[in-house]
Amino acid sequence: RDFTYIDDIVEGVIRVCDRTPTPN
């Protein structure tokens, strides 16, 4: 399993939230 620690997950979620996707 690719075990992922919660602090790393949270950092990723918030970075994604702050970056609104645009069309490719």
mmCIF file of all heavy atoms, coordinates in Angstrom:
data_MODEL
# 
_entry.id   MODEL 
# 
loop_
_atom_site.group_PDB 
_atom_site.id 
_atom_site.type_symbol 
_atom_site.label_atom_id 
_atom_site.label_alt_id 
_atom_site.label_comp_id 
_atom_site.label_asym_id 
_atom_site.label_entity_id 
_atom_site.label_seq_id 
_atom_site.pdbx_PDB_ins_code 
_atom_site.Cartn_x 
_atom_site.Cartn_y 
_atom_site.Cartn_z 
_atom_site.occupancy 
_atom_site.B_iso_or_equiv 
_atom_site.pdbx_formal_charge 
_atom_site.auth_seq_id 
_atom_site.auth_comp_id 
_atom_site.auth_asym_id 
_atom_site.auth_atom_id 
_atom_site.pdbx_PDB_model_num 
ATOM 1   N N   . ARG A 1 1  ? 0.838   -1.191 0.000   1.00 0.00 ? 1  ARG A N   1 
ATOM 2   C CA  . ARG A 1 1  ? 0.000   0.000  0.000   1.00 0.00 ? 1  ARG A CA  1 
ATOM 3   C C   . ARG A 1 1  ? 0.875   1.244  0.000   1.00 0.00 ? 1  ARG A C   1 
ATOM 4   O O   . ARG A 1 1  ? 1.923   1.291  0.646   1.00 0.00 ? 1  ARG A O   1 
ATOM 5   C CB  . ARG A 1 1  ? -0.920  0.020  1.237   1.00 0.00 ? 1  ARG A CB  1 
ATOM 6   C CG  . ARG A 1 1  ? -2.058  -0.997 1.200   1.00 0.00 ? 1  ARG A CG  1 
ATOM 7   C CD  . ARG A 1 1  ? -3.076  -0.645 0.144   1.00 0.00 ? 1  ARG A CD  1 
ATOM 8   N NE  . ARG A 1 1  ? -4.190  -1.585 0.089   1.00 0.00 ? 1  ARG A NE  1 
ATOM 9   C CZ  . ARG A 1 1  ? -4.242  -2.660 -0.698  1.00 0.00 ? 1  ARG A CZ  1 
ATOM 10  N NH1 . ARG A 1 1  ? -3.194  -2.942 -1.489  1.00 0.00 ? 1  ARG A NH1 1 
ATOM 11  N NH2 . ARG A 1 1  ? -5.290  -3.445 -0.711  1.00 0.00 ? 1  ARG A NH2 1 
ATOM 12  N N   . ASP A 1 2  ? 0.405   2.256  -0.707  1.00 0.00 ? 2  ASP A N   1 
ATOM 13  C CA  . ASP A 1 2  ? 1.089   3.542  -0.740  1.00 0.00 ? 2  ASP A CA  1 
ATOM 14  C C   . ASP A 1 2  ? 0.557   4.377  0.429   1.00 0.00 ? 2  ASP A C   1 
ATOM 15  O O   . ASP A 1 2  ? -0.227  5.301  0.247   1.00 0.00 ? 2  ASP A O   1 
ATOM 16  C CB  . ASP A 1 2  ? 0.820   4.240  -2.078  1.00 0.00 ? 2  ASP A CB  1 
ATOM 17  C CG  . ASP A 1 2  ? 1.873   5.278  -2.415  1.00 0.00 ? 2  ASP A CG  1 
ATOM 18  O OD1 . ASP A 1 2  ? 2.574   5.723  -1.486  1.00 0.00 ? 2  ASP A OD1 1 
ATOM 19  O OD2 . ASP A 1 2  ? 1.995   5.651  -3.588  1.00 0.00 ? 2  ASP A OD2 1 
ATOM 20  N N   . PHE A 1 3  ? 0.978   4.009  1.643   1.00 0.00 ? 3  PHE A N   1 
ATOM 21  C CA  . PHE A 1 3  ? 0.509   4.664  2.864   1.00 0.00 ? 3  PHE A CA  1 
ATOM 22  C C   . PHE A 1 3  ? 0.920   6.143  2.849   1.00 0.00 ? 3  PHE A C   1 
ATOM 23  O O   . PHE A 1 3  ? 2.084   6.469  2.654   1.00 0.00 ? 3  PHE A O   1 
ATOM 24  C CB  . PHE A 1 3  ? 1.096   3.981  4.097   1.00 0.00 ? 3  PHE A CB  1 
ATOM 25  C CG  . PHE A 1 3  ? 0.659   2.557  4.276   1.00 0.00 ? 3  PHE A CG  1 
ATOM 26  C CD1 . PHE A 1 3  ? 1.507   1.507  3.953   1.00 0.00 ? 3  PHE A CD1 1 
ATOM 27  C CD2 . PHE A 1 3  ? -0.602  2.267  4.778   1.00 0.00 ? 3  PHE A CD2 1 
ATOM 28  C CE1 . PHE A 1 3  ? 1.111   0.187  4.131   1.00 0.00 ? 3  PHE A CE1 1 
ATOM 29  C CE2 . PHE A 1 3  ? -1.012  0.944  4.955   1.00 0.00 ? 3  PHE A CE2 1 
ATOM 30  C CZ  . PHE A 1 3  ? -0.162  -0.095 4.624   1.00 0.00 ? 3  PHE A CZ  1 
ATOM 31  N N   . THR A 1 4  ? -0.055  7.032  3.086   1.00 0.00 ? 4  THR A N   1 
ATOM 32  C CA  . THR A 1 4  ? 0.199   8.472  2.995   1.00 0.00 ? 4  THR A CA  1 
ATOM 33  C C   . THR A 1 4  ? -0.244  9.159  4.273   1.00 0.00 ? 4  THR A C   1 
ATOM 34  O O   . THR A 1 4  ? -1.412  9.059  4.672   1.00 0.00 ? 4  THR A O   1 
ATOM 35  C CB  . THR A 1 4  ? -0.536  9.075  1.790   1.00 0.00 ? 4  THR A CB  1 
ATOM 36  O OG1 . THR A 1 4  ? -0.339  8.246  0.639   1.00 0.00 ? 4  THR A OG1 1 
ATOM 37  C CG2 . THR A 1 4  ? -0.023  10.480 1.500   1.00 0.00 ? 4  THR A CG2 1 
ATOM 38  N N   . TYR A 1 5  ? 0.674   9.863  4.909   1.00 0.00 ? 5  TYR A N   1 
ATOM 39  C CA  . TYR A 1 5  ? 0.416   10.488 6.208   1.00 0.00 ? 5  TYR A CA  1 
ATOM 40  C C   . TYR A 1 5  ? -0.522  11.685 6.058   1.00 0.00 ? 5  TYR A C   1 
ATOM 41  O O   . TYR A 1 5  ? -0.450  12.431 5.077   1.00 0.00 ? 5  TYR A O   1 
ATOM 42  C CB  . TYR A 1 5  ? 1.734   10.922 6.843   1.00 0.00 ? 5  TYR A CB  1 
ATOM 43  C CG  . TYR A 1 5  ? 1.609   11.367 8.282   1.00 0.00 ? 5  TYR A CG  1 
ATOM 44  C CD1 . TYR A 1 5  ? 1.198   10.485 9.277   1.00 0.00 ? 5  TYR A CD1 1 
ATOM 45  C CD2 . TYR A 1 5  ? 1.901   12.682 8.647   1.00 0.00 ? 5  TYR A CD2 1 
ATOM 46  C CE1 . TYR A 1 5  ? 1.092   10.888 10.598  1.00 0.00 ? 5  TYR A CE1 1 
ATOM 47  C CE2 . TYR A 1 5  ? 1.805   13.096 9.970   1.00 0.00 ? 5  TYR A CE2 1 
ATOM 48  C CZ  . TYR A 1 5  ? 1.384   12.187 10.933  1.00 0.00 ? 5  TYR A CZ  1 
ATOM 49  O OH  . TYR A 1 5  ? 1.273   12.594 12.246  1.00 0.00 ? 5  TYR A OH  1 
ATOM 50  N N   . ILE A 1 6  ? -1.362  11.872 7.038   1.00 0.00 ? 6  ILE A N   1 
ATOM 51  C CA  . ILE A 1 6  ? -2.427  12.869 6.964   1.00 0.00 ? 6  ILE A CA  1 
ATOM 52  C C   . ILE A 1 6  ? -1.900  14.285 6.733   1.00 0.00 ? 6  ILE A C   1 
ATOM 53  O O   . ILE A 1 6  ? -2.511  15.055 5.983   1.00 0.00 ? 6  ILE A O   1 
ATOM 54  C CB  . ILE A 1 6  ? -3.325  12.804 8.235   1.00 0.00 ? 6  ILE A CB  1 
ATOM 55  C CG1 . ILE A 1 6  ? -4.510  13.754 8.113   1.00 0.00 ? 6  ILE A CG1 1 
ATOM 56  C CG2 . ILE A 1 6  ? -2.517  13.081 9.485   1.00 0.00 ? 6  ILE A CG2 1 
ATOM 57  C CD1 . ILE A 1 6  ? -5.455  13.472 6.981   1.00 0.00 ? 6  ILE A CD1 1 
ATOM 58  N N   . ASP A 1 7  ? -0.788  14.666 7.344   1.00 0.00 ? 7  ASP A N   1 
ATOM 59  C CA  . ASP A 1 7  ? -0.268  16.029 7.143   1.00 0.00 ? 7  ASP A CA  1 
ATOM 60  C C   . ASP A 1 7  ? 0.117   16.268 5.681   1.00 0.00 ? 7  ASP A C   1 
ATOM 61  O O   . ASP A 1 7  ? -0.081  17.370 5.149   1.00 0.00 ? 7  ASP A O   1 
ATOM 62  C CB  . ASP A 1 7  ? 0.948   16.284 8.038   1.00 0.00 ? 7  ASP A CB  1 
ATOM 63  C CG  . ASP A 1 7  ? 0.580   16.412 9.509   1.00 0.00 ? 7  ASP A CG  1 
ATOM 64  O OD1 . ASP A 1 7  ? -0.622  16.291 9.843   1.00 0.00 ? 7  ASP A OD1 1 
ATOM 65  O OD2 . ASP A 1 7  ? 1.491   16.632 10.331  1.00 0.00 ? 7  ASP A OD2 1 
ATOM 66  N N   . ASP A 1 8  ? 0.654   15.235 5.040   1.00 0.00 ? 8  ASP A N   1 
ATOM 67  C CA  . ASP A 1 8  ? 0.998   15.356 3.622   1.00 0.00 ? 8  ASP A CA  1 
ATOM 68  C C   . ASP A 1 8  ? -0.261  15.467 2.774   1.00 0.00 ? 8  ASP A C   1 
ATOM 69  O O   . ASP A 1 8  ? -0.321  16.243 1.813   1.00 0.00 ? 8  ASP A O   1 
ATOM 70  C CB  . ASP A 1 8  ? 1.840   14.160 3.174   1.00 0.00 ? 8  ASP A CB  1 
ATOM 71  C CG  . ASP A 1 8  ? 3.202   14.115 3.848   1.00 0.00 ? 8  ASP A CG  1 
ATOM 72  O OD1 . ASP A 1 8  ? 3.751   15.195 4.134   1.00 0.00 ? 8  ASP A OD1 1 
ATOM 73  O OD2 . ASP A 1 8  ? 3.705   13.007 4.105   1.00 0.00 ? 8  ASP A OD2 1 
ATOM 74  N N   . ILE A 1 9  ? -1.271  14.684 3.126   1.00 0.00 ? 9  ILE A N   1 
ATOM 75  C CA  . ILE A 1 9  ? -2.549  14.750 2.417   1.00 0.00 ? 9  ILE A CA  1 
ATOM 76  C C   . ILE A 1 9  ? -3.153  16.143 2.519   1.00 0.00 ? 9  ILE A C   1 
ATOM 77  O O   . ILE A 1 9  ? -3.591  16.739 1.528   1.00 0.00 ? 9  ILE A O   1 
ATOM 78  C CB  . ILE A 1 9  ? -3.534  13.708 2.993   1.00 0.00 ? 9  ILE A CB  1 
ATOM 79  C CG1 . ILE A 1 9  ? -3.123  12.291 2.585   1.00 0.00 ? 9  ILE A CG1 1 
ATOM 80  C CG2 . ILE A 1 9  ? -4.971  14.016 2.577   1.00 0.00 ? 9  ILE A CG2 1 
ATOM 81  C CD1 . ILE A 1 9  ? -3.386  11.949 1.127   1.00 0.00 ? 9  ILE A CD1 1 
ATOM 82  N N   . VAL A 1 10 ? -3.191  16.689 3.723   1.00 0.00 ? 10 VAL A N   1 
ATOM 83  C CA  . VAL A 1 10 ? -3.785  18.013 3.949   1.00 0.00 ? 10 VAL A CA  1 
ATOM 84  C C   . VAL A 1 10 ? -3.053  19.074 3.131   1.00 0.00 ? 10 VAL A C   1 
ATOM 85  O O   . VAL A 1 10 ? -3.689  19.941 2.507   1.00 0.00 ? 10 VAL A O   1 
ATOM 86  C CB  . VAL A 1 10 ? -3.761  18.365 5.453   1.00 0.00 ? 10 VAL A CB  1 
ATOM 87  C CG1 . VAL A 1 10 ? -4.117  19.837 5.671   1.00 0.00 ? 10 VAL A CG1 1 
ATOM 88  C CG2 . VAL A 1 10 ? -4.730  17.473 6.209   1.00 0.00 ? 10 VAL A CG2 1 
ATOM 89  N N   . GLU A 1 11 ? -1.733  19.004 3.139   1.00 0.00 ? 11 GLU A N   1 
ATOM 90  C CA  . GLU A 1 11 ? -0.953  19.961 2.354   1.00 0.00 ? 11 GLU A CA  1 
ATOM 91  C C   . GLU A 1 11 ? -1.338  19.895 0.881   1.00 0.00 ? 11 GLU A C   1 
ATOM 92  O O   . GLU A 1 11 ? -1.520  20.925 0.215   1.00 0.00 ? 11 GLU A O   1 
ATOM 93  C CB  . GLU A 1 11 ? 0.540   19.661 2.523   1.00 0.00 ? 11 GLU A CB  1 
ATOM 94  C CG  . GLU A 1 11 ? 1.463   20.625 1.806   1.00 0.00 ? 11 GLU A CG  1 
ATOM 95  C CD  . GLU A 1 11 ? 1.473   22.021 2.420   1.00 0.00 ? 11 GLU A CD  1 
ATOM 96  O OE1 . GLU A 1 11 ? 1.137   22.155 3.623   1.00 0.00 ? 11 GLU A OE1 1 
ATOM 97  O OE2 . GLU A 1 11 ? 1.813   22.977 1.686   1.00 0.00 ? 11 GLU A OE2 1 
ATOM 98  N N   . GLY A 1 12 ? -1.499  18.677 0.373   1.00 0.00 ? 12 GLY A N   1 
ATOM 99  C CA  . GLY A 1 12 ? -1.882  18.507 -1.027  1.00 0.00 ? 12 GLY A CA  1 
ATOM 100 C C   . GLY A 1 12 ? -3.281  19.012 -1.319  1.00 0.00 ? 12 GLY A C   1 
ATOM 101 O O   . GLY A 1 12 ? -3.517  19.673 -2.334  1.00 0.00 ? 12 GLY A O   1 
ATOM 102 N N   . VAL A 1 13 ? -4.226  18.708 -0.441  1.00 0.00 ? 13 VAL A N   1 
ATOM 103 C CA  . VAL A 1 13 ? -5.617  19.145 -0.635  1.00 0.00 ? 13 VAL A CA  1 
ATOM 104 C C   . VAL A 1 13 ? -5.687  20.670 -0.708  1.00 0.00 ? 13 VAL A C   1 
ATOM 105 O O   . VAL A 1 13 ? -6.362  21.237 -1.582  1.00 0.00 ? 13 VAL A O   1 
ATOM 106 C CB  . VAL A 1 13 ? -6.522  18.621 0.500   1.00 0.00 ? 13 VAL A CB  1 
ATOM 107 C CG1 . VAL A 1 13 ? -7.909  19.267 0.435   1.00 0.00 ? 13 VAL A CG1 1 
ATOM 108 C CG2 . VAL A 1 13 ? -6.654  17.103 0.424   1.00 0.00 ? 13 VAL A CG2 1 
ATOM 109 N N   . ILE A 1 14 ? -5.007  21.337 0.191   1.00 0.00 ? 14 ILE A N   1 
ATOM 110 C CA  . ILE A 1 14 ? -5.085  22.799 0.232   1.00 0.00 ? 14 ILE A CA  1 
ATOM 111 C C   . ILE A 1 14 ? -4.358  23.417 -0.961  1.00 0.00 ? 14 ILE A C   1 
ATOM 112 O O   . ILE A 1 14 ? -4.842  24.408 -1.544  1.00 0.00 ? 14 ILE A O   1 
ATOM 113 C CB  . ILE A 1 14 ? -4.538  23.319 1.574   1.00 0.00 ? 14 ILE A CB  1 
ATOM 114 C CG1 . ILE A 1 14 ? -5.497  22.882 2.698   1.00 0.00 ? 14 ILE A CG1 1 
ATOM 115 C CG2 . ILE A 1 14 ? -4.395  24.839 1.560   1.00 0.00 ? 14 ILE A CG2 1 
ATOM 116 C CD1 . ILE A 1 14 ? -5.046  23.237 4.080   1.00 0.00 ? 14 ILE A CD1 1 
ATOM 117 N N   . ARG A 1 15 ? -3.239  22.849 -1.362  1.00 0.00 ? 15 ARG A N   1 
ATOM 118 C CA  . ARG A 1 15 ? -2.565  23.347 -2.563  1.00 0.00 ? 15 ARG A CA  1 
ATOM 119 C C   . ARG A 1 15 ? -3.476  23.222 -3.791  1.00 0.00 ? 15 ARG A C   1 
ATOM 120 O O   . ARG A 1 15 ? -3.535  24.115 -4.641  1.00 0.00 ? 15 ARG A O   1 
ATOM 121 C CB  . ARG A 1 15 ? -1.257  22.582 -2.802  1.00 0.00 ? 15 ARG A CB  1 
ATOM 122 C CG  . ARG A 1 15 ? -0.120  22.989 -1.869  1.00 0.00 ? 15 ARG A CG  1 
ATOM 123 C CD  . ARG A 1 15 ? 1.106   22.111 -2.074  1.00 0.00 ? 15 ARG A CD  1 
ATOM 124 N NE  . ARG A 1 15 ? 2.193   22.513 -1.206  1.00 0.00 ? 15 ARG A NE  1 
ATOM 125 C CZ  . ARG A 1 15 ? 3.182   23.341 -1.553  1.00 0.00 ? 15 ARG A CZ  1 
ATOM 126 N NH1 . ARG A 1 15 ? 3.202   23.852 -2.775  1.00 0.00 ? 15 ARG A NH1 1 
ATOM 127 N NH2 . ARG A 1 15 ? 4.134   23.641 -0.702  1.00 0.00 ? 15 ARG A NH2 1 
ATOM 128 N N   . VAL A 1 16 ? -4.184  22.115 -3.880  1.00 0.00 ? 16 VAL A N   1 
ATOM 129 C CA  . VAL A 1 16 ? -5.109  21.912 -4.996  1.00 0.00 ? 16 VAL A CA  1 
ATOM 130 C C   . VAL A 1 16 ? -6.277  22.894 -4.915  1.00 0.00 ? 16 VAL A C   1 
ATOM 131 O O   . VAL A 1 16 ? -6.684  23.483 -5.927  1.00 0.00 ? 16 VAL A O   1 
ATOM 132 C CB  . VAL A 1 16 ? -5.625  20.460 -5.006  1.00 0.00 ? 16 VAL A CB  1 
ATOM 133 C CG1 . VAL A 1 16 ? -6.845  20.314 -5.917  1.00 0.00 ? 16 VAL A CG1 1 
ATOM 134 C CG2 . VAL A 1 16 ? -4.520  19.515 -5.457  1.00 0.00 ? 16 VAL A CG2 1 
ATOM 135 N N   . CYS A 1 17 ? -6.809  23.080 -3.720  1.00 0.00 ? 17 CYS A N   1 
ATOM 136 C CA  . CYS A 1 17 ? -7.926  24.009 -3.537  1.00 0.00 ? 17 CYS A CA  1 
ATOM 137 C C   . CYS A 1 17 ? -7.557  25.415 -4.007  1.00 0.00 ? 17 CYS A C   1 
ATOM 138 O O   . CYS A 1 17 ? -8.375  26.131 -4.599  1.00 0.00 ? 17 CYS A O   1 
ATOM 139 C CB  . CYS A 1 17 ? -8.336  24.030 -2.064  1.00 0.00 ? 17 CYS A CB  1 
ATOM 140 S SG  . CYS A 1 17 ? -9.736  25.115 -1.689  1.00 0.00 ? 17 CYS A SG  1 
ATOM 141 N N   . ASP A 1 18 ? -6.325  25.806 -3.757  1.00 0.00 ? 18 ASP A N   1 
ATOM 142 C CA  . ASP A 1 18 ? -5.867  27.152 -4.109  1.00 0.00 ? 18 ASP A CA  1 
ATOM 143 C C   . ASP A 1 18 ? -5.545  27.306 -5.596  1.00 0.00 ? 18 ASP A C   1 
ATOM 144 O O   . ASP A 1 18 ? -5.297  28.421 -6.064  1.00 0.00 ? 18 ASP A O   1 
ATOM 145 C CB  . ASP A 1 18 ? -4.620  27.509 -3.287  1.00 0.00 ? 18 ASP A CB  1 
ATOM 146 C CG  . ASP A 1 18 ? -4.925  27.716 -1.818  1.00 0.00 ? 18 ASP A CG  1 
ATOM 147 O OD1 . ASP A 1 18 ? -6.099  27.929 -1.477  1.00 0.00 ? 18 ASP A OD1 1 
ATOM 148 O OD2 . ASP A 1 18 ? -3.981  27.668 -1.002  1.00 0.00 ? 18 ASP A OD2 1 
ATOM 149 N N   . ARG A 1 19 ? -5.558  26.207 -6.333  1.00 0.00 ? 19 ARG A N   1 
ATOM 150 C CA  . ARG A 1 19 ? -5.216  26.253 -7.765  1.00 0.00 ? 19 ARG A CA  1 
ATOM 151 C C   . ARG A 1 19 ? -6.427  25.831 -8.590  1.00 0.00 ? 19 ARG A C   1 
ATOM 152 O O   . ARG A 1 19 ? -6.691  24.657 -8.762  1.00 0.00 ? 19 ARG A O   1 
ATOM 153 C CB  . ARG A 1 19 ? -4.026  25.330 -8.051  1.00 0.00 ? 19 ARG A CB  1 
ATOM 154 C CG  . ARG A 1 19 ? -3.542  25.399 -9.485  1.00 0.00 ? 19 ARG A CG  1 
ATOM 155 C CD  . ARG A 1 19 ? -2.430  24.391 -9.737  1.00 0.00 ? 19 ARG A CD  1 
ATOM 156 N NE  . ARG A 1 19 ? -1.873  24.524 -11.071 1.00 0.00 ? 19 ARG A NE  1 
ATOM 157 C CZ  . ARG A 1 19 ? -2.400  23.986 -12.164 1.00 0.00 ? 19 ARG A CZ  1 
ATOM 158 N NH1 . ARG A 1 19 ? -3.507  23.250 -12.075 1.00 0.00 ? 19 ARG A NH1 1 
ATOM 159 N NH2 . ARG A 1 19 ? -1.824  24.158 -13.347 1.00 0.00 ? 19 ARG A NH2 1 
ATOM 160 N N   . THR A 1 20 ? -7.158  26.781 -9.110  1.00 0.00 ? 20 THR A N   1 
ATOM 161 C CA  . THR A 1 20 ? -8.353  26.491 -9.894  1.00 0.00 ? 20 THR A CA  1 
ATOM 162 C C   . THR A 1 20 ? -7.958  25.944 -11.263 1.00 0.00 ? 20 THR A C   1 
ATOM 163 O O   . THR A 1 20 ? -7.154  26.560 -11.969 1.00 0.00 ? 20 THR A O   1 
ATOM 164 C CB  . THR A 1 20 ? -9.202  27.761 -10.075 1.00 0.00 ? 20 THR A CB  1 
ATOM 165 O OG1 . THR A 1 20 ? -9.521  28.280 -8.787  1.00 0.00 ? 20 THR A OG1 1 
ATOM 166 C CG2 . THR A 1 20 ? -10.483 27.454 -10.832 1.00 0.00 ? 20 THR A CG2 1 
ATOM 167 N N   . PRO A 1 21 ? -8.493  24.787 -11.647 1.00 0.00 ? 21 PRO A N   1 
ATOM 168 C CA  . PRO A 1 21 ? -8.101  24.192 -12.933 1.00 0.00 ? 21 PRO A CA  1 
ATOM 169 C C   . PRO A 1 21 ? -8.630  24.991 -14.121 1.00 0.00 ? 21 PRO A C   1 
ATOM 170 O O   . PRO A 1 21 ? -9.668  25.644 -14.041 1.00 0.00 ? 21 PRO A O   1 
ATOM 171 C CB  . PRO A 1 21 ? -8.743  22.806 -12.883 1.00 0.00 ? 21 PRO A CB  1 
ATOM 172 C CG  . PRO A 1 21 ? -9.904  22.958 -11.958 1.00 0.00 ? 21 PRO A CG  1 
ATOM 173 C CD  . PRO A 1 21 ? -9.467  23.960 -10.932 1.00 0.00 ? 21 PRO A CD  1 
ATOM 174 N N   . THR A 1 22 ? -7.890  24.927 -15.206 1.00 0.00 ? 22 THR A N   1 
ATOM 175 C CA  . THR A 1 22 ? -8.293  25.553 -16.461 1.00 0.00 ? 22 THR A CA  1 
ATOM 176 C C   . THR A 1 22 ? -8.286  24.480 -17.549 1.00 0.00 ? 22 THR A C   1 
ATOM 177 O O   . THR A 1 22 ? -7.676  23.417 -17.379 1.00 0.00 ? 22 THR A O   1 
ATOM 178 C CB  . THR A 1 22 ? -7.321  26.688 -16.846 1.00 0.00 ? 22 THR A CB  1 
ATOM 179 O OG1 . THR A 1 22 ? -5.992  26.156 -16.901 1.00 0.00 ? 22 THR A OG1 1 
ATOM 180 C CG2 . THR A 1 22 ? -7.376  27.817 -15.819 1.00 0.00 ? 22 THR A CG2 1 
ATOM 181 N N   . PRO A 1 23 ? -8.954  24.745 -18.670 1.00 0.00 ? 23 PRO A N   1 
ATOM 182 C CA  . PRO A 1 23 ? -8.939  23.760 -19.756 1.00 0.00 ? 23 PRO A CA  1 
ATOM 183 C C   . PRO A 1 23 ? -7.518  23.483 -20.249 1.00 0.00 ? 23 PRO A C   1 
ATOM 184 O O   . PRO A 1 23 ? -6.662  24.373 -20.251 1.00 0.00 ? 23 PRO A O   1 
ATOM 185 C CB  . PRO A 1 23 ? -9.774  24.442 -20.849 1.00 0.00 ? 23 PRO A CB  1 
ATOM 186 C CG  . PRO A 1 23 ? -10.670 25.385 -20.117 1.00 0.00 ? 23 PRO A CG  1 
ATOM 187 C CD  . PRO A 1 23 ? -9.847  25.885 -18.957 1.00 0.00 ? 23 PRO A CD  1 
ATOM 188 N N   . ASN A 1 24 ? -7.276  22.263 -20.647 1.00 0.00 ? 24 ASN A N   1 
ATOM 189 C CA  . ASN A 1 24 ? -5.990  21.881 -21.221 1.00 0.00 ? 24 ASN A CA  1 
ATOM 190 C C   . ASN A 1 24 ? -6.024  22.191 -22.718 1.00 0.00 ? 24 ASN A C   1 
ATOM 191 O O   . ASN A 1 24 ? -6.722  21.510 -23.478 1.00 0.00 ? 24 ASN A O   1 
ATOM 192 C CB  . ASN A 1 24 ? -5.737  20.386 -20.989 1.00 0.00 ? 24 ASN A CB  1 
ATOM 193 C CG  . ASN A 1 24 ? -4.447  19.904 -21.631 1.00 0.00 ? 24 ASN A CG  1 
ATOM 194 O OD1 . ASN A 1 24 ? -3.684  20.698 -22.177 1.00 0.00 ? 24 ASN A OD1 1 
ATOM 195 N ND2 . ASN A 1 24 ? -4.214  18.596 -21.583 1.00 0.00 ? 24 ASN A ND2 1 
# 
